[in-house]
Amino acid sequence: MSTPIIVPWSDIDRATLDNLIEEFVTRDGTDYGEQEVATATKVEQVRAQLKRGEASVVFDDATETVSVMTREQLRELGL
């Protein structure tokens, strides 16, 4: 069993990071409350979370996938 690796978001190409964040915010089952928020706004909110350390980009070697995870999700993984 492999351990997910936190990838410094600042090392990721801007366009690639934008795509990762957009996938994260448009994922099925993501709930942002009663008011609709534009995807571009959500992307900027997540980018700000990355900058503040409230979210991280994570590479999972076992599944060879990259995702954005919140600080709480990382805690659940023991990271």
PDB file of N, CA and C in Angstrom:
ATOM      1  N   MET A   1       0.844  -1.179   0.000  1.00  0.00           N
ATOM      2  CA  MET A   1       0.000   0.000   0.000  1.00  0.00           C
ATOM      3  C   MET A   1       0.888   1.241   0.000  1.00  0.00           C
ATOM      4  N   SER A   2       0.654   2.140  -0.944  1.00  0.00           N
ATOM      5  CA  SER A   2       1.484   3.332  -1.049  1.00  0.00           C
ATOM      6  C   SER A   2       0.866   4.493  -0.283  1.00  0.00           C
ATOM      7  N   THR A   3       1.702   5.448   0.042  1.00  0.00           N
ATOM      8  CA  THR A   3       1.256   6.657   0.718  1.00  0.00           C
ATOM      9  C   THR A   3       1.127   7.769  -0.305  1.00  0.00           C
ATOM     10  N   PRO A   4       0.005   8.470  -0.320  1.00  0.00           N
ATOM     11  CA  PRO A   4      -0.125   9.607  -1.239  1.00  0.00           C
ATOM     12  C   PRO A   4       0.960  10.647  -0.978  1.00  0.00           C
ATOM     13  N   ILE A   5       1.377  11.325  -2.037  1.00  0.00           N
ATOM     14  CA  ILE A   5       2.449  12.305  -1.956  1.00  0.00           C
ATOM     15  C   ILE A   5       1.876  13.697  -2.196  1.00  0.00           C
ATOM     16  N   ILE A   6       2.171  14.622  -1.298  1.00  0.00           N
ATOM     17  CA  ILE A   6       1.741  16.004  -1.483  1.00  0.00           C
ATOM     18  C   ILE A   6       2.702  16.667  -2.468  1.00  0.00           C
ATOM     19  N   VAL A   7       2.128  17.233  -3.525  1.00  0.00           N
ATOM     20  CA  VAL A   7       2.909  17.905  -4.564  1.00  0.00           C
ATOM     21  C   VAL A   7       2.783  19.416  -4.357  1.00  0.00           C
ATOM     22  N   PRO A   8       3.895  20.129  -4.270  1.00  0.00           N
ATOM     23  CA  PRO A   8       3.797  21.587  -4.105  1.00  0.00           C
ATOM     24  C   PRO A   8       3.025  22.202  -5.279  1.00  0.00           C
ATOM     25  N   TRP A   9       1.926  22.861  -4.996  1.00  0.00           N
ATOM     26  CA  TRP A   9       1.086  23.427  -6.051  1.00  0.00           C
ATOM     27  C   TRP A   9       1.855  24.440  -6.879  1.00  0.00           C
ATOM     28  N   SER A  10       2.808  25.110  -6.269  1.00  0.00           N
ATOM     29  CA  SER A  10       3.566  26.140  -6.987  1.00  0.00           C
ATOM     30  C   SER A  10       4.520  25.542  -8.027  1.00  0.00           C
ATOM     31  N   ASP A  11       4.768  24.233  -7.953  1.00  0.00           N
ATOM     32  CA  ASP A  11       5.630  23.563  -8.927  1.00  0.00           C
ATOM     33  C   ASP A  11       4.855  23.075 -10.149  1.00  0.00           C
ATOM     34  N   ILE A  12       3.536  23.233 -10.134  1.00  0.00           N
ATOM     35  CA  ILE A  12       2.690  22.722 -11.212  1.00  0.00           C
ATOM     36  C   ILE A  12       2.416  23.844 -12.211  1.00  0.00           C
ATOM     37  N   ASP A  13       2.529  23.526 -13.494  1.00  0.00           N
ATOM     38  CA  ASP A  13       2.223  24.479 -14.556  1.00  0.00           C
ATOM     39  C   ASP A  13       0.844  25.088 -14.323  1.00  0.00           C
ATOM     40  N   ARG A  14       0.711  26.380 -14.567  1.00  0.00           N
ATOM     41  CA  ARG A  14      -0.550  27.104 -14.281  1.00  0.00           C
ATOM     42  C   ARG A  14      -1.752  26.454 -14.962  1.00  0.00           C
ATOM     43  N   ALA A  15      -1.636  26.117 -16.239  1.00  0.00           N
ATOM     44  CA  ALA A  15      -2.764  25.521 -16.971  1.00  0.00           C
ATOM     45  C   ALA A  15      -3.125  24.152 -16.391  1.00  0.00           C
ATOM     46  N   THR A  16      -2.123  23.377 -16.024  1.00  0.00           N
ATOM     47  CA  THR A  16      -2.369  22.061 -15.428  1.00  0.00           C
ATOM     48  C   THR A  16      -3.056  22.218 -14.080  1.00  0.00           C
ATOM     49  N   LEU A  17      -2.584  23.158 -13.279  1.00  0.00           N
ATOM     50  CA  LEU A  17      -3.194  23.408 -11.975  1.00  0.00           C
ATOM     51  C   LEU A  17      -4.634  23.874 -12.145  1.00  0.00           C
ATOM     52  N   ASP A  18      -4.885  24.754 -13.108  1.00  0.00           N
ATOM     53  CA  ASP A  18      -6.250  25.201 -13.370  1.00  0.00           C
ATOM     54  C   ASP A  18      -7.156  24.016 -13.696  1.00  0.00           C
ATOM     55  N   ASN A  19      -6.665  23.098 -14.526  1.00  0.00           N
ATOM     56  CA  ASN A  19      -7.453  21.914 -14.884  1.00  0.00           C
ATOM     57  C   ASN A  19      -7.729  21.031 -13.667  1.00  0.00           C
ATOM     58  N   LEU A  20      -6.729  20.840 -12.817  1.00  0.00           N
ATOM     59  CA  LEU A  20      -6.914  20.041 -11.602  1.00  0.00           C
ATOM     60  C   LEU A  20      -7.958  20.669 -10.684  1.00  0.00           C
ATOM     61  N   ILE A  21      -7.841  21.972 -10.497  1.00  0.00           N
ATOM     62  CA  ILE A  21      -8.782  22.667  -9.620  1.00  0.00           C
ATOM     63  C   ILE A  21     -10.184  22.618 -10.213  1.00  0.00           C
ATOM     64  N   GLU A  22     -10.299  22.847 -11.514  1.00  0.00           N
ATOM     65  CA  GLU A  22     -11.619  22.820 -12.155  1.00  0.00           C
ATOM     66  C   GLU A  22     -12.269  21.445 -12.014  1.00  0.00           C
ATOM     67  N   GLU A  23     -11.482  20.381 -12.169  1.00  0.00           N
ATOM     68  CA  GLU A  23     -12.011  19.033 -11.984  1.00  0.00           C
ATOM     69  C   GLU A  23     -12.499  18.856 -10.551  1.00  0.00           C
ATOM     70  N   PHE A  24     -11.756  19.382  -9.604  1.00  0.00           N
ATOM     71  CA  PHE A  24     -12.112  19.278  -8.193  1.00  0.00           C
ATOM     72  C   PHE A  24     -13.434  19.980  -7.903  1.00  0.00           C
ATOM     73  N   VAL A  25     -13.610  21.192  -8.419  1.00  0.00           N
ATOM     74  CA  VAL A  25     -14.806  21.965  -8.089  1.00  0.00           C
ATOM     75  C   VAL A  25     -16.039  21.537  -8.878  1.00  0.00           C
ATOM     76  N   THR A  26     -15.853  20.791  -9.951  1.00  0.00           N
ATOM     77  CA  THR A  26     -17.004  20.346 -10.744  1.00  0.00           C
ATOM     78  C   THR A  26     -17.329  18.878 -10.522  1.00  0.00           C
ATOM     79  N   ARG A  27     -16.639  18.257  -9.594  1.00  0.00           N
ATOM     80  CA  ARG A  27     -16.863  16.846  -9.277  1.00  0.00           C
ATOM     81  C   ARG A  27     -18.308  16.607  -8.863  1.00  0.00           C
ATOM     82  N   ASP A  28     -18.871  15.501  -9.295  1.00  0.00           N
ATOM     83  CA  ASP A  28     -20.239  15.138  -8.890  1.00  0.00           C
ATOM     84  C   ASP A  28     -20.315  15.024  -7.378  1.00  0.00           C
ATOM     85  N   GLY A  29     -21.395  15.528  -6.832  1.00  0.00           N
ATOM     86  CA  GLY A  29     -21.609  15.420  -5.392  1.00  0.00           C
ATOM     87  C   GLY A  29     -21.023  16.567  -4.598  1.00  0.00           C
ATOM     88  N   THR A  30     -20.340  17.483  -5.257  1.00  0.00           N
ATOM     89  CA  THR A  30     -19.802  18.636  -4.553  1.00  0.00           C
ATOM     90  C   THR A  30     -20.936  19.612  -4.282  1.00  0.00           C
ATOM     91  N   ASP A  31     -21.101  20.010  -3.028  1.00  0.00           N
ATOM     92  CA  ASP A  31     -22.211  20.869  -2.631  1.00  0.00           C
ATOM     93  C   ASP A  31     -21.669  22.188  -2.122  1.00  0.00           C
ATOM     94  N   TYR A  32     -22.117  23.280  -2.728  1.00  0.00           N
ATOM     95  CA  TYR A  32     -21.673  24.600  -2.315  1.00  0.00           C
ATOM     96  C   TYR A  32     -22.784  25.406  -1.673  1.00  0.00           C
ATOM     97  N   GLY A  33     -23.846  24.737  -1.233  1.00  0.00           N
ATOM     98  CA  GLY A  33     -24.915  25.437  -0.556  1.00  0.00           C
ATOM     99  C   GLY A  33     -26.041  25.824  -1.485  1.00  0.00           C
ATOM    100  N   GLU A  34     -26.886  26.725  -1.002  1.00  0.00           N
ATOM    101  CA  GLU A  34     -28.088  27.107  -1.746  1.00  0.00           C
ATOM    102  C   GLU A  34     -27.800  28.011  -2.926  1.00  0.00           C
ATOM    103  N   GLN A  35     -26.769  28.826  -2.840  1.00  0.00           N
ATOM    104  CA  GLN A  35     -26.485  29.797  -3.887  1.00  0.00           C
ATOM    105  C   GLN A  35     -25.477  29.227  -4.887  1.00  0.00           C
ATOM    106  N   GLU A  36     -25.802  29.348  -6.184  1.00  0.00           N
ATOM    107  CA  GLU A  36     -24.883  28.905  -7.224  1.00  0.00           C
ATOM    108  C   GLU A  36     -23.679  29.836  -7.276  1.00  0.00           C
ATOM    109  N   VAL A  37     -22.515  29.265  -7.465  1.00  0.00           N
ATOM    110  CA  VAL A  37     -21.283  30.032  -7.586  1.00  0.00           C
ATOM    111  C   VAL A  37     -20.649  29.649  -8.920  1.00  0.00           C
ATOM    112  N   ALA A  38     -20.190  30.629  -9.680  1.00  0.00           N
ATOM    113  CA  ALA A  38     -19.572  30.370 -10.980  1.00  0.00           C
ATOM    114  C   ALA A  38     -18.325  29.509 -10.820  1.00  0.00           C
ATOM    115  N   THR A  39     -18.091  28.645 -11.801  1.00  0.00           N
ATOM    116  CA  THR A  39     -16.923  27.761 -11.756  1.00  0.00           C
ATOM    117  C   THR A  39     -15.638  28.558 -11.612  1.00  0.00           C
ATOM    118  N   ALA A  40     -15.507  29.656 -12.335  1.00  0.00           N
ATOM    119  CA  ALA A  40     -14.290  30.474 -12.248  1.00  0.00           C
ATOM    120  C   ALA A  40     -14.081  31.001 -10.828  1.00  0.00           C
ATOM    121  N   THR A  41     -15.161  31.359 -10.165  1.00  0.00           N
ATOM    122  CA  THR A  41     -15.072  31.831  -8.779  1.00  0.00           C
ATOM    123  C   THR A  41     -14.622  30.700  -7.867  1.00  0.00           C
ATOM    124  N   LYS A  42     -15.194  29.517  -8.069  1.00  0.00           N
ATOM    125  CA  LYS A  42     -14.810  28.351  -7.264  1.00  0.00           C
ATOM    126  C   LYS A  42     -13.330  28.027  -7.457  1.00  0.00           C
ATOM    127  N   VAL A  43     -12.861  28.103  -8.721  1.00  0.00           N
ATOM    128  CA  VAL A  43     -11.451  27.826  -9.012  1.00  0.00           C
ATOM    129  C   VAL A  43     -10.561  28.797  -8.244  1.00  0.00           C
ATOM    130  N   GLU A  44     -10.901  30.071  -8.255  1.00  0.00           N
ATOM    131  CA  GLU A  44     -10.096  31.057  -7.531  1.00  0.00           C
ATOM    132  C   GLU A  44     -10.150  30.838  -6.021  1.00  0.00           C
ATOM    133  N   GLN A  45     -11.304  30.396  -5.510  1.00  0.00           N
ATOM    134  CA  GLN A  45     -11.411  30.097  -4.079  1.00  0.00           C
ATOM    135  C   GLN A  45     -10.493  28.937  -3.691  1.00  0.00           C
ATOM    136  N   VAL A  46     -10.461  27.901  -4.527  1.00  0.00           N
ATOM    137  CA  VAL A  46      -9.594  26.749  -4.237  1.00  0.00           C
ATOM    138  C   VAL A  46      -8.130  27.153  -4.378  1.00  0.00           C
ATOM    139  N   ARG A  47      -7.810  27.974  -5.392  1.00  0.00           N
ATOM    140  CA  ARG A  47      -6.428  28.442  -5.538  1.00  0.00           C
ATOM    141  C   ARG A  47      -5.997  29.190  -4.266  1.00  0.00           C
ATOM    142  N   ALA A  48      -6.884  30.004  -3.721  1.00  0.00           N
ATOM    143  CA  ALA A  48      -6.581  30.722  -2.477  1.00  0.00           C
ATOM    144  C   ALA A  48      -6.390  29.738  -1.321  1.00  0.00           C
ATOM    145  N   GLN A  49      -7.197  28.666  -1.282  1.00  0.00           N
ATOM    146  CA  GLN A  49      -7.026  27.646  -0.244  1.00  0.00           C
ATOM    147  C   GLN A  49      -5.669  26.959  -0.363  1.00  0.00           C
ATOM    148  N   LEU A  50      -5.227  26.700  -1.589  1.00  0.00           N
ATOM    149  CA  LEU A  50      -3.907  26.112  -1.799  1.00  0.00           C
ATOM    150  C   LEU A  50      -2.827  27.049  -1.277  1.00  0.00           C
ATOM    151  N   LYS A  51      -2.942  28.322  -1.591  1.00  0.00           N
ATOM    152  CA  LYS A  51      -1.952  29.306  -1.151  1.00  0.00           C
ATOM    153  C   LYS A  51      -1.895  29.422   0.365  1.00  0.00           C
ATOM    154  N   ARG A  52      -3.071  29.283   1.018  1.00  0.00           N
ATOM    155  CA  ARG A  52      -3.132  29.377   2.490  1.00  0.00           C
ATOM    156  C   ARG A  52      -2.802  28.057   3.180  1.00  0.00           C
ATOM    157  N   GLY A  53      -2.625  26.988   2.409  1.00  0.00           N
ATOM    158  CA  GLY A  53      -2.327  25.683   3.003  1.00  0.00           C
ATOM    159  C   GLY A  53      -3.557  24.952   3.508  1.00  0.00           C
ATOM    160  N   GLU A  54      -4.753  25.412   3.121  1.00  0.00           N
ATOM    161  CA  GLU A  54      -5.997  24.754   3.535  1.00  0.00           C
ATOM    162  C   GLU A  54      -6.352  23.584   2.626  1.00  0.00           C
ATOM    163  N   ALA A  55      -5.672  23.481   1.493  1.00  0.00           N
ATOM    164  CA  ALA A  55      -5.858  22.383   0.552  1.00  0.00           C
ATOM    165  C   ALA A  55      -4.490  22.082  -0.056  1.00  0.00           C
ATOM    166  N   SER A  56      -4.355  20.875  -0.605  1.00  0.00           N
ATOM    167  CA  SER A  56      -3.098  20.458  -1.214  1.00  0.00           C
ATOM    168  C   SER A  56      -3.373  19.643  -2.464  1.00  0.00           C
ATOM    169  N   VAL A  57      -2.379  19.615  -3.344  1.00  0.00           N
ATOM    170  CA  VAL A  57      -2.425  18.736  -4.508  1.00  0.00           C
ATOM    171  C   VAL A  57      -1.738  17.443  -4.089  1.00  0.00           C
ATOM    172  N   VAL A  58      -2.408  16.315  -4.345  1.00  0.00           N
ATOM    173  CA  VAL A  58      -1.918  15.032  -3.876  1.00  0.00           C
ATOM    174  C   VAL A  58      -1.823  14.047  -5.037  1.00  0.00           C
ATOM    175  N   PHE A  59      -0.682  13.351  -5.132  1.00  0.00           N
ATOM    176  CA  PHE A  59      -0.490  12.297  -6.119  1.00  0.00           C
ATOM    177  C   PHE A  59      -0.590  10.965  -5.403  1.00  0.00           C
ATOM    178  N   ASP A  60      -1.437  10.074  -5.916  1.00  0.00           N
ATOM    179  CA  ASP A  60      -1.595   8.733  -5.353  1.00  0.00           C
ATOM    180  C   ASP A  60      -0.895   7.752  -6.275  1.00  0.00           C
ATOM    181  N   ASP A  61       0.232   7.233  -5.842  1.00  0.00           N
ATOM    182  CA  ASP A  61       1.044   6.334  -6.643  1.00  0.00           C
ATOM    183  C   ASP A  61       0.304   5.032  -6.969  1.00  0.00           C
ATOM    184  N   ALA A  62      -0.532   4.574  -6.060  1.00  0.00           N
ATOM    185  CA  ALA A  62      -1.249   3.308  -6.267  1.00  0.00           C
ATOM    186  C   ALA A  62      -2.231   3.408  -7.426  1.00  0.00           C
ATOM    187  N   THR A  63      -2.923   4.544  -7.528  1.00  0.00           N
ATOM    188  CA  THR A  63      -3.924   4.715  -8.590  1.00  0.00           C
ATOM    189  C   THR A  63      -3.416   5.597  -9.724  1.00  0.00           C
ATOM    190  N   GLU A  64      -2.214   6.171  -9.526  1.00  0.00           N
ATOM    191  CA  GLU A  64      -1.611   7.080 -10.502  1.00  0.00           C
ATOM    192  C   GLU A  64      -2.554   8.236 -10.845  1.00  0.00           C
ATOM    193  N   THR A  65      -3.162   8.802  -9.801  1.00  0.00           N
ATOM    194  CA  THR A  65      -4.065   9.928  -9.975  1.00  0.00           C
ATOM    195  C   THR A  65      -3.583  11.119  -9.156  1.00  0.00           C
ATOM    196  N   VAL A  66      -3.996  12.288  -9.607  1.00  0.00           N
ATOM    197  CA  VAL A  66      -3.689  13.537  -8.912  1.00  0.00           C
ATOM    198  C   VAL A  66      -5.010  14.190  -8.556  1.00  0.00           C
ATOM    199  N   SER A  67      -5.096  14.728  -7.345  1.00  0.00           N
ATOM    200  CA  SER A  67      -6.330  15.354  -6.906  1.00  0.00           C
ATOM    201  C   SER A  67      -6.016  16.500  -5.954  1.00  0.00           C
ATOM    202  N   VAL A  68      -7.010  17.334  -5.747  1.00  0.00           N
ATOM    203  CA  VAL A  68      -6.929  18.375  -4.724  1.00  0.00           C
ATOM    204  C   VAL A  68      -7.648  17.818  -3.499  1.00  0.00           C
ATOM    205  N   MET A  69      -7.003  17.948  -2.346  1.00  0.00           N
ATOM    206  CA  MET A  69      -7.608  17.462  -1.108  1.00  0.00           C
ATOM    207  C   MET A  69      -7.566  18.565  -0.066  1.00  0.00           C
ATOM    208  N   THR A  70      -8.610  18.615   0.748  1.00  0.00           N
ATOM    209  CA  THR A  70      -8.654  19.593   1.826  1.00  0.00           C
ATOM    210  C   THR A  70      -7.758  19.128   2.974  1.00  0.00           C
ATOM    211  N   ARG A  71      -7.465  20.048   3.859  1.00  0.00           N
ATOM    212  CA  ARG A  71      -6.657  19.718   5.033  1.00  0.00           C
ATOM    213  C   ARG A  71      -7.308  18.591   5.848  1.00  0.00           C
ATOM    214  N   GLU A  72      -8.652  18.632   5.949  1.00  0.00           N
ATOM    215  CA  GLU A  72      -9.367  17.612   6.709  1.00  0.00           C
ATOM    216  C   GLU A  72      -9.217  16.231   6.052  1.00  0.00           C
ATOM    217  N   GLN A  73      -9.312  16.185   4.708  1.00  0.00           N
ATOM    218  CA  GLN A  73      -9.137  14.918   4.001  1.00  0.00           C
ATOM    219  C   GLN A  73      -7.728  14.362   4.216  1.00  0.00           C
ATOM    220  N   LEU A  74      -6.743  15.245   4.223  1.00  0.00           N
ATOM    221  CA  LEU A  74      -5.371  14.799   4.452  1.00  0.00           C
ATOM    222  C   LEU A  74      -5.190  14.253   5.858  1.00  0.00           C
ATOM    223  N   ARG A  75      -5.830  14.897   6.834  1.00  0.00           N
ATOM    224  CA  ARG A  75      -5.771  14.400   8.224  1.00  0.00           C
ATOM    225  C   ARG A  75      -6.332  12.996   8.336  1.00  0.00           C
ATOM    226  N   GLU A  76      -7.459  12.766   7.615  1.00  0.00           N
ATOM    227  CA  GLU A  76      -8.072  11.437   7.637  1.00  0.00           C
ATOM    228  C   GLU A  76      -7.125  10.374   7.084  1.00  0.00           C
ATOM    229  N   LEU A  77      -6.246  10.760   6.162  1.00  0.00           N
ATOM    230  CA  LEU A  77      -5.258   9.840   5.588  1.00  0.00           C
ATOM    231  C   LEU A  77      -4.006   9.737   6.446  1.00  0.00           C
ATOM    232  N   GLY A  78      -3.936  10.573   7.478  1.00  0.00           N
ATOM    233  CA  GLY A  78      -2.770  10.578   8.346  1.00  0.00           C
ATOM    234  C   GLY A  78      -1.595  11.357   7.774  1.00  0.00           C
ATOM    235  N   LEU A  79      -1.893  12.284   6.869  1.00  0.00           N
ATOM    236  CA  LEU A  79      -0.817  13.102   6.263  1.00  0.00           C
ATOM    237  C   LEU A  79      -0.763  14.479   6.908  1.00  0.00           C
TER     238      LEU A  79
END
